[in-house]
C-alpha atoms as a PDB file:
ATOM      1  CA  MET A   1    -106.161  -9.359  11.442  1.00  0.00           C
ATOM      2  CA  ALA A   2    -103.812  -7.492  12.768  1.00  0.00           C
ATOM      3  CA  VAL A   3    -100.582  -7.810  14.085  1.00  0.00           C
ATOM      4  CA  SER A   4     -99.866  -6.904  17.905  1.00  0.00           C
ATOM      5  CA  ASN A   5     -97.990  -4.670  19.728  1.00  0.00           C
ATOM      6  CA  GLU A   6     -96.685  -6.648  21.771  1.00  0.00           C
ATOM      7  CA  LEU A   7     -95.861  -8.765  19.072  1.00  0.00           C
ATOM      8  CA  LEU A   8     -93.884  -5.778  17.715  1.00  0.00           C
ATOM      9  CA  GLU A   9     -91.993  -5.372  20.738  1.00  0.00           C
ATOM     10  CA  ILE A  10     -89.936  -8.982  20.802  1.00  0.00           C
ATOM     11  CA  LEU A  11     -89.875  -8.250  16.565  1.00  0.00           C
ATOM     12  CA  ALA A  12     -86.341  -7.470  15.555  1.00  0.00           C
ATOM     13  CA  CYS A  13     -84.793  -7.384  11.826  1.00  0.00           C
ATOM     14  CA  PRO A  14     -83.579 -10.392  10.833  1.00  0.00           C
ATOM     15  CA  GLN A  15     -80.385  -8.914   9.271  1.00  0.00           C
ATOM     16  CA  CYS A  16     -80.092  -5.695  10.971  1.00  0.00           C
ATOM     17  CA  LYS A  17     -81.943  -6.717  14.813  1.00  0.00           C
ATOM     18  CA  GLY A  18     -82.414  -3.845  14.744  1.00  0.00           C
ATOM     19  CA  GLU A  19     -86.096  -2.259  16.431  1.00  0.00           C
ATOM     20  CA  VAL A  20     -89.110  -2.659  13.546  1.00  0.00           C
ATOM     21  CA  HIS A  21     -92.232  -1.369  13.180  1.00  0.00           C
ATOM     22  CA  LEU A  22     -96.396  -1.906  11.355  1.00  0.00           C
ATOM     23  CA  LYS A  23     -96.315  -0.349   8.258  1.00  0.00           C
ATOM     24  CA  GLN A  24    -100.004   0.477   7.168  1.00  0.00           C
ATOM     25  CA  GLU A  25    -100.862   1.053   3.287  1.00  0.00           C
ATOM     26  CA  ALA A  26    -102.678   1.045   0.528  1.00  0.00           C
ATOM     27  CA  GLU A  27    -100.978  -1.918  -0.347  1.00  0.00           C
ATOM     28  CA  GLY A  28    -100.843  -3.813   2.056  1.00  0.00           C
ATOM     29  CA  GLU A  29     -99.405  -4.119   5.739  1.00  0.00           C
ATOM     30  CA  GLY A  30     -96.075  -4.026   6.756  1.00  0.00           C
ATOM     31  CA  ILE A  31     -93.451  -4.484   9.118  1.00  0.00           C
ATOM     32  CA  VAL A  32     -90.552  -2.183   8.105  1.00  0.00           C
ATOM     33  CA  CYS A  33     -86.659  -1.197   9.583  1.00  0.00           C
ATOM     34  CA  GLU A  34     -85.617   2.326   8.476  1.00  0.00           C
ATOM     35  CA  SER A  35     -82.121   0.628   9.449  1.00  0.00           C
ATOM     36  CA  CYS A  36     -82.548  -2.017   6.687  1.00  0.00           C
ATOM     37  CA  ARG A  37     -84.366  -0.354   5.203  1.00  0.00           C
ATOM     38  CA  LEU A  38     -86.514  -3.341   4.308  1.00  0.00           C
ATOM     39  CA  VAL A  39     -90.291  -3.727   4.167  1.00  0.00           C
ATOM     40  CA  TYR A  40     -91.281  -7.743   5.802  1.00  0.00           C
ATOM     41  CA  PRO A  41     -94.535  -8.558   4.222  1.00  0.00           C
ATOM     42  CA  ILE A  42     -97.259  -9.953   6.708  1.00  0.00           C
ATOM     43  CA  CYS A  43     -99.841 -12.710   4.986  1.00  0.00           C
ATOM     44  CA  ASP A  44    -103.019 -14.440   7.012  1.00  0.00           C
ATOM     45  CA  GLY A  45    -101.819 -11.693  10.178  1.00  0.00           C
ATOM     46  CA  ILE A  46     -98.375 -13.571  11.250  1.00  0.00           C
ATOM     47  CA  PRO A  47     -95.086 -12.238  10.089  1.00  0.00           C
ATOM     48  CA  VAL A  48     -92.611 -13.303   6.611  1.00  0.00           C
ATOM     49  CA  MET A  49     -89.470 -11.828   8.527  1.00  0.00           C
ATOM     50  CA  LEU A  50     -87.203 -13.818   5.804  1.00  0.00           C
ATOM     51  CA  ILE A  51     -84.276 -11.271   4.856  1.00  0.00           C
ATOM     52  CA  ASP A  52     -84.943 -13.168   0.775  1.00  0.00           C
ATOM     53  CA  GLU A  53     -89.314 -12.319   1.589  1.00  0.00           C
ATOM     54  CA  ALA A  54     -88.371  -8.507   2.114  1.00  0.00           C
ATOM     55  CA  LYS A  55     -89.139  -5.580  -0.489  1.00  0.00           C
ATOM     56  CA  PRO A  56     -87.024  -2.327  -0.489  1.00  0.00           C
ATOM     57  CA  VAL A  57     -89.627   0.704   1.491  1.00  0.00           C
ATOM     58  CA  GLY A  58     -91.556   2.051  -1.268  1.00  0.00           C
ATOM     59  CA  GLU A  59     -91.422  -0.806  -3.438  1.00  0.00           C
ATOM     60  CA  GLY A  60     -94.998  -1.941  -4.268  1.00  0.00           C
END
């Protein structure tokens, strides 16, 4: 289940409050903040916007 564009428009990075976008890779989907270089996971179609759950961009 993909995250809707409407949800992406209102989501913000919990660390820097910056814009985020959806990133789809072979490993799965994630919500990416380019400013912080963090990827927030998506579990069962729900973005997990917790700083402790985020991984650095490029880390699998």
